[in-house]
PDB file of all heavy atoms in Angstrom:
ATOM      1  N   VAL A   1       0.852  -1.205   0.000  1.00  0.00           N
ATOM      2  CA  VAL A   1       0.000   0.000   0.000  1.00  0.00           C
ATOM      3  C   VAL A   1       0.878   1.243   0.000  1.00  0.00           C
ATOM      4  O   VAL A   1       0.668   2.185  -0.771  1.00  0.00           O
ATOM      5  CB  VAL A   1      -0.948   0.010   1.223  1.00  0.00           C
ATOM      6  CG1 VAL A   1      -1.717   1.319   1.308  1.00  0.00           C
ATOM      7  CG2 VAL A   1      -1.904  -1.172   1.164  1.00  0.00           C
ATOM      8  N   ILE A   2       1.890   1.245   0.870  1.00  0.00           N
ATOM      9  CA  ILE A   2       2.771   2.419   1.004  1.00  0.00           C
ATOM     10  C   ILE A   2       3.564   2.648  -0.279  1.00  0.00           C
ATOM     11  O   ILE A   2       3.744   3.792  -0.725  1.00  0.00           O
ATOM     12  CB  ILE A   2       3.720   2.237   2.215  1.00  0.00           C
ATOM     13  CG1 ILE A   2       2.917   2.283   3.521  1.00  0.00           C
ATOM     14  CG2 ILE A   2       4.811   3.305   2.235  1.00  0.00           C
ATOM     15  CD1 ILE A   2       3.713   1.899   4.762  1.00  0.00           C
ATOM     16  N   SER A   3       4.033   1.555  -0.901  1.00  0.00           N
ATOM     17  CA  SER A   3       4.854   1.695  -2.114  1.00  0.00           C
ATOM     18  C   SER A   3       4.089   2.340  -3.265  1.00  0.00           C
ATOM     19  O   SER A   3       4.690   2.923  -4.178  1.00  0.00           O
ATOM     20  CB  SER A   3       5.396   0.326  -2.539  1.00  0.00           C
ATOM     21  OG  SER A   3       4.327  -0.506  -2.966  1.00  0.00           O
ATOM     22  N   LYS A   4       2.749   2.240  -3.236  1.00  0.00           N
ATOM     23  CA  LYS A   4       1.929   2.797  -4.321  1.00  0.00           C
ATOM     24  C   LYS A   4       1.570   4.273  -4.110  1.00  0.00           C
ATOM     25  O   LYS A   4       0.968   4.897  -4.979  1.00  0.00           O
ATOM     26  CB  LYS A   4       0.644   1.972  -4.463  1.00  0.00           C
ATOM     27  CG  LYS A   4       0.894   0.553  -4.972  1.00  0.00           C
ATOM     28  CD  LYS A   4      -0.391  -0.244  -5.030  1.00  0.00           C
ATOM     29  CE  LYS A   4      -0.131  -1.666  -5.537  1.00  0.00           C
ATOM     30  NZ  LYS A   4      -1.355  -2.494  -5.537  1.00  0.00           N
ATOM     31  N   ILE A   5       1.919   4.824  -2.925  1.00  0.00           N
ATOM     32  CA  ILE A   5       1.632   6.249  -2.673  1.00  0.00           C
ATOM     33  C   ILE A   5       2.685   7.073  -3.405  1.00  0.00           C
ATOM     34  O   ILE A   5       3.870   7.035  -3.063  1.00  0.00           O
ATOM     35  CB  ILE A   5       1.651   6.565  -1.154  1.00  0.00           C
ATOM     36  CG1 ILE A   5       0.665   5.663  -0.394  1.00  0.00           C
ATOM     37  CG2 ILE A   5       1.311   8.039  -0.913  1.00  0.00           C
ATOM     38  CD1 ILE A   5       0.784   5.773   1.127  1.00  0.00           C
ATOM     39  N   GLU A   6       2.258   7.801  -4.420  1.00  0.00           N
ATOM     40  CA  GLU A   6       3.225   8.543  -5.247  1.00  0.00           C
ATOM     41  C   GLU A   6       3.695   9.827  -4.557  1.00  0.00           C
ATOM     42  O   GLU A   6       4.891  10.079  -4.439  1.00  0.00           O
ATOM     43  CB  GLU A   6       2.619   8.848  -6.614  1.00  0.00           C
ATOM     44  CG  GLU A   6       2.410   7.579  -7.455  1.00  0.00           C
ATOM     45  CD  GLU A   6       1.942   7.896  -8.863  1.00  0.00           C
ATOM     46  OE1 GLU A   6       1.899   9.089  -9.215  1.00  0.00           O
ATOM     47  OE2 GLU A   6       1.621   6.950  -9.586  1.00  0.00           O
ATOM     48  N   ASP A   7       2.763  10.650  -4.128  1.00  0.00           N
ATOM     49  CA  ASP A   7       3.126  11.899  -3.455  1.00  0.00           C
ATOM     50  C   ASP A   7       3.070  11.627  -1.950  1.00  0.00           C
ATOM     51  O   ASP A   7       2.008  11.646  -1.341  1.00  0.00           O
ATOM     52  CB  ASP A   7       2.146  13.015  -3.855  1.00  0.00           C
ATOM     53  CG  ASP A   7       2.588  14.371  -3.329  1.00  0.00           C
ATOM     54  OD1 ASP A   7       3.713  14.451  -2.796  1.00  0.00           O
ATOM     55  OD2 ASP A   7       1.808  15.344  -3.436  1.00  0.00           O
ATOM     56  N   PHE A   8       4.244  11.371  -1.367  1.00  0.00           N
ATOM     57  CA  PHE A   8       4.312  10.873   0.013  1.00  0.00           C
ATOM     58  C   PHE A   8       4.172  12.009   1.030  1.00  0.00           C
ATOM     59  O   PHE A   8       5.098  12.360   1.746  1.00  0.00           O
ATOM     60  CB  PHE A   8       5.630  10.113   0.219  1.00  0.00           C
ATOM     61  CG  PHE A   8       5.587   9.100   1.327  1.00  0.00           C
ATOM     62  CD1 PHE A   8       4.788   7.963   1.222  1.00  0.00           C
ATOM     63  CD2 PHE A   8       6.358   9.255   2.478  1.00  0.00           C
ATOM     64  CE1 PHE A   8       4.756   7.011   2.234  1.00  0.00           C
ATOM     65  CE2 PHE A   8       6.334   8.310   3.486  1.00  0.00           C
ATOM     66  CZ  PHE A   8       5.523   7.189   3.372  1.00  0.00           C
ATOM     67  N   THR A   9       2.969  12.582   1.107  1.00  0.00           N
ATOM     68  CA  THR A   9       2.673  13.648   2.066  1.00  0.00           C
ATOM     69  C   THR A   9       1.888  13.059   3.239  1.00  0.00           C
ATOM     70  O   THR A   9       1.363  11.943   3.151  1.00  0.00           O
ATOM     71  CB  THR A   9       1.835  14.766   1.424  1.00  0.00           C
ATOM     72  OG1 THR A   9       0.566  14.207   1.025  1.00  0.00           O
ATOM     73  CG2 THR A   9       2.549  15.364   0.214  1.00  0.00           C
ATOM     74  N   ILE A  10       1.788  13.836   4.312  1.00  0.00           N
ATOM     75  CA  ILE A  10       1.016  13.391   5.484  1.00  0.00           C
ATOM     76  C   ILE A  10      -0.421  13.093   5.084  1.00  0.00           C
ATOM     77  O   ILE A  10      -0.992  12.055   5.447  1.00  0.00           O
ATOM     78  CB  ILE A  10       1.059  14.463   6.605  1.00  0.00           C
ATOM     79  CG1 ILE A  10       2.463  14.544   7.197  1.00  0.00           C
ATOM     80  CG2 ILE A  10       0.048  14.134   7.706  1.00  0.00           C
ATOM     81  CD1 ILE A  10       2.646  15.646   8.226  1.00  0.00           C
ATOM     82  N   GLU A  11      -1.014  14.003   4.311  1.00  0.00           N
ATOM     83  CA  GLU A  11      -2.424  13.848   3.917  1.00  0.00           C
ATOM     84  C   GLU A  11      -2.629  12.591   3.085  1.00  0.00           C
ATOM     85  O   GLU A  11      -3.549  11.802   3.340  1.00  0.00           O
ATOM     86  CB  GLU A  11      -2.876  15.076   3.130  1.00  0.00           C
ATOM     87  CG  GLU A  11      -4.365  15.066   2.815  1.00  0.00           C
ATOM     88  CD  GLU A  11      -4.819  16.295   2.039  1.00  0.00           C
ATOM     89  OE1 GLU A  11      -3.952  17.089   1.608  1.00  0.00           O
ATOM     90  OE2 GLU A  11      -6.031  16.445   1.855  1.00  0.00           O
ATOM     91  N   ASN A  12      -1.765  12.366   2.093  1.00  0.00           N
ATOM     92  CA  ASN A  12      -1.908  11.197   1.211  1.00  0.00           C
ATOM     93  C   ASN A  12      -1.698   9.885   1.959  1.00  0.00           C
ATOM     94  O   ASN A  12      -2.427   8.903   1.739  1.00  0.00           O
ATOM     95  CB  ASN A  12      -0.930  11.289   0.041  1.00  0.00           C
ATOM     96  CG  ASN A  12      -1.344  12.367  -0.954  1.00  0.00           C
ATOM     97  OD1 ASN A  12      -2.479  12.850  -0.914  1.00  0.00           O
ATOM     98  ND2 ASN A  12      -0.424  12.765  -1.825  1.00  0.00           N
ATOM     99  N   THR A  13      -0.694   9.844   2.808  1.00  0.00           N
ATOM    100  CA  THR A  13      -0.443   8.598   3.555  1.00  0.00           C
ATOM    101  C   THR A  13      -1.608   8.276   4.485  1.00  0.00           C
ATOM    102  O   THR A  13      -1.999   7.115   4.617  1.00  0.00           O
ATOM    103  CB  THR A  13       0.869   8.689   4.368  1.00  0.00           C
ATOM    104  OG1 THR A  13       0.835   9.860   5.185  1.00  0.00           O
ATOM    105  CG2 THR A  13       2.081   8.739   3.458  1.00  0.00           C
ATOM    106  N   GLN A  14      -2.157   9.306   5.120  1.00  0.00           N
ATOM    107  CA  GLN A  14      -3.317   9.092   5.997  1.00  0.00           C
ATOM    108  C   GLN A  14      -4.507   8.528   5.227  1.00  0.00           C
ATOM    109  O   GLN A  14      -5.127   7.536   5.643  1.00  0.00           O
ATOM    110  CB  GLN A  14      -3.734  10.416   6.654  1.00  0.00           C
ATOM    111  CG  GLN A  14      -2.954  10.773   7.903  1.00  0.00           C
ATOM    112  CD  GLN A  14      -3.534  12.004   8.588  1.00  0.00           C
ATOM    113  OE1 GLN A  14      -3.977  12.936   7.936  1.00  0.00           O
ATOM    114  NE2 GLN A  14      -3.543  11.994   9.902  1.00  0.00           N
ATOM    115  N   ILE A  15      -4.805   9.150   4.101  1.00  0.00           N
ATOM    116  CA  ILE A  15      -5.971   8.733   3.295  1.00  0.00           C
ATOM    117  C   ILE A  15      -5.809   7.288   2.827  1.00  0.00           C
ATOM    118  O   ILE A  15      -6.717   6.453   2.991  1.00  0.00           O
ATOM    119  CB  ILE A  15      -6.177   9.672   2.090  1.00  0.00           C
ATOM    120  CG1 ILE A  15      -6.637  11.057   2.585  1.00  0.00           C
ATOM    121  CG2 ILE A  15      -7.196   9.090   1.104  1.00  0.00           C
ATOM    122  CD1 ILE A  15      -6.633  12.137   1.502  1.00  0.00           C
ATOM    123  N   ASP A  16      -4.647   6.973   2.268  1.00  0.00           N
ATOM    124  CA  ASP A  16      -4.451   5.645   1.686  1.00  0.00           C
ATOM    125  C   ASP A  16      -4.374   4.543   2.746  1.00  0.00           C
ATOM    126  O   ASP A  16      -4.993   3.473   2.596  1.00  0.00           O
ATOM    127  CB  ASP A  16      -3.179   5.619   0.832  1.00  0.00           C
ATOM    128  CG  ASP A  16      -3.361   6.384  -0.478  1.00  0.00           C
ATOM    129  OD1 ASP A  16      -4.317   7.181  -0.566  1.00  0.00           O
ATOM    130  OD2 ASP A  16      -2.529   6.215  -1.391  1.00  0.00           O
ATOM    131  N   ILE A  17      -3.640   4.790   3.819  1.00  0.00           N
ATOM    132  CA  ILE A  17      -3.484   3.742   4.844  1.00  0.00           C
ATOM    133  C   ILE A  17      -4.779   3.550   5.625  1.00  0.00           C
ATOM    134  O   ILE A  17      -5.223   2.409   5.851  1.00  0.00           O
ATOM    135  CB  ILE A  17      -2.308   4.068   5.790  1.00  0.00           C
ATOM    136  CG1 ILE A  17      -0.983   3.949   5.018  1.00  0.00           C
ATOM    137  CG2 ILE A  17      -2.299   3.131   7.004  1.00  0.00           C
ATOM    138  CD1 ILE A  17       0.248   4.402   5.791  1.00  0.00           C
ATOM    139  N   LYS A  18      -5.406   4.641   6.019  1.00  0.00           N
ATOM    140  CA  LYS A  18      -6.666   4.518   6.766  1.00  0.00           C
ATOM    141  C   LYS A  18      -7.770   3.919   5.889  1.00  0.00           C
ATOM    142  O   LYS A  18      -8.604   3.146   6.358  1.00  0.00           O
ATOM    143  CB  LYS A  18      -7.087   5.882   7.317  1.00  0.00           C
ATOM    144  CG  LYS A  18      -6.231   6.335   8.496  1.00  0.00           C
ATOM    145  CD  LYS A  18      -6.702   7.686   9.057  1.00  0.00           C
ATOM    146  CE  LYS A  18      -5.873   8.069  10.283  1.00  0.00           C
ATOM    147  NZ  LYS A  18      -6.299   9.370  10.844  1.00  0.00           N
ATOM    148  N   GLY A  19      -7.730   4.288   4.592  1.00  0.00           N
ATOM    149  CA  GLY A  19      -8.703   3.722   3.648  1.00  0.00           C
ATOM    150  C   GLY A  19      -8.518   2.226   3.510  1.00  0.00           C
ATOM    151  O   GLY A  19      -9.499   1.458   3.477  1.00  0.00           O
ATOM    152  N   TRP A  20      -7.263   1.792   3.442  1.00  0.00           N
ATOM    153  CA  TRP A  20      -6.954   0.360   3.334  1.00  0.00           C
ATOM    154  C   TRP A  20      -7.418  -0.400   4.582  1.00  0.00           C
ATOM    155  O   TRP A  20      -8.015  -1.468   4.490  1.00  0.00           O
ATOM    156  CB  TRP A  20      -5.450   0.200   3.109  1.00  0.00           C
ATOM    157  CG  TRP A  20      -4.965  -1.221   3.222  1.00  0.00           C
ATOM    158  CD1 TRP A  20      -5.192  -2.238   2.359  1.00  0.00           C
ATOM    159  CD2 TRP A  20      -4.183  -1.757   4.306  1.00  0.00           C
ATOM    160  NE1 TRP A  20      -4.603  -3.395   2.806  1.00  0.00           N
ATOM    161  CE2 TRP A  20      -3.963  -3.124   4.000  1.00  0.00           C
ATOM    162  CE3 TRP A  20      -3.643  -1.231   5.464  1.00  0.00           C
ATOM    163  CZ2 TRP A  20      -3.224  -3.959   4.835  1.00  0.00           C
ATOM    164  CZ3 TRP A  20      -2.902  -2.061   6.289  1.00  0.00           C
ATOM    165  CH2 TRP A  20      -2.707  -3.411   5.992  1.00  0.00           C
ATOM    166  N   ILE A  21      -7.165   0.160   5.765  1.00  0.00           N
ATOM    167  CA  ILE A  21      -7.580  -0.492   7.021  1.00  0.00           C
ATOM    168  C   ILE A  21      -9.102  -0.614   7.082  1.00  0.00           C
ATOM    169  O   ILE A  21      -9.650  -1.666   7.451  1.00  0.00           O
ATOM    170  CB  ILE A  21      -7.062   0.312   8.246  1.00  0.00           C
ATOM    171  CG1 ILE A  21      -5.532   0.268   8.302  1.00  0.00           C
ATOM    172  CG2 ILE A  21      -7.658  -0.230   9.544  1.00  0.00           C
ATOM    173  CD1 ILE A  21      -4.909   1.197   9.348  1.00  0.00           C
ATOM    174  N   THR A  22      -9.787   0.460   6.697  1.00  0.00           N
ATOM    175  CA  THR A  22     -11.257   0.459   6.712  1.00  0.00           C
ATOM    176  C   THR A  22     -11.804  -0.591   5.752  1.00  0.00           C
ATOM    177  O   THR A  22     -12.744  -1.324   6.073  1.00  0.00           O
ATOM    178  CB  THR A  22     -11.793   1.861   6.343  1.00  0.00           C
ATOM    179  OG1 THR A  22     -11.259   2.806   7.268  1.00  0.00           O
ATOM    180  CG2 THR A  22     -13.314   1.896   6.399  1.00  0.00           C
ATOM    181  N   ALA A  23     -11.192  -0.657   4.558  1.00  0.00           N
ATOM    182  CA  ALA A  23     -11.649  -1.626   3.542  1.00  0.00           C
ATOM    183  C   ALA A  23     -11.468  -3.059   4.015  1.00  0.00           C
ATOM    184  O   ALA A  23     -12.271  -3.942   3.682  1.00  0.00           O
ATOM    185  CB  ALA A  23     -10.895  -1.396   2.230  1.00  0.00           C
ATOM    186  N   LYS A  24     -10.411  -3.307   4.787  1.00  0.00           N
ATOM    187  CA  LYS A  24     -10.151  -4.662   5.291  1.00  0.00           C
ATOM    188  C   LYS A  24     -11.028  -5.006   6.489  1.00  0.00           C
ATOM    189  O   LYS A  24     -11.055  -6.152   6.944  1.00  0.00           O
ATOM    190  CB  LYS A  24      -8.674  -4.805   5.677  1.00  0.00           C
ATOM    191  CG  LYS A  24      -7.748  -4.912   4.468  1.00  0.00           C
ATOM    192  CD  LYS A  24      -6.339  -5.292   4.885  1.00  0.00           C
ATOM    193  CE  LYS A  24      -6.225  -6.756   5.267  1.00  0.00           C
ATOM    194  NZ  LYS A  24      -6.367  -7.686   4.149  1.00  0.00           N
ATOM    195  N   GLU A  25     -11.721  -3.985   7.001  1.00  0.00           N
ATOM    196  CA  GLU A  25     -12.629  -4.158   8.141  1.00  0.00           C
ATOM    197  C   GLU A  25     -11.908  -4.772   9.357  1.00  0.00           C
ATOM    198  O   GLU A  25     -12.357  -5.734   9.962  1.00  0.00           O
ATOM    199  CB  GLU A  25     -13.843  -5.017   7.754  1.00  0.00           C
ATOM    200  CG  GLU A  25     -14.699  -4.375   6.691  1.00  0.00           C
ATOM    201  CD  GLU A  25     -15.940  -5.207   6.356  1.00  0.00           C
ATOM    202  OE1 GLU A  25     -15.964  -6.410   6.695  1.00  0.00           O
ATOM    203  OE2 GLU A  25     -16.878  -4.646   5.766  1.00  0.00           O
TER     204      GLU A  25
END
């Protein structure tokens, strides 16, 4: 998940990682 984040900002990492956790329930 982290390797696919292109613009490694605080906002982007939060959105992608939290989104992934939520999706995995």
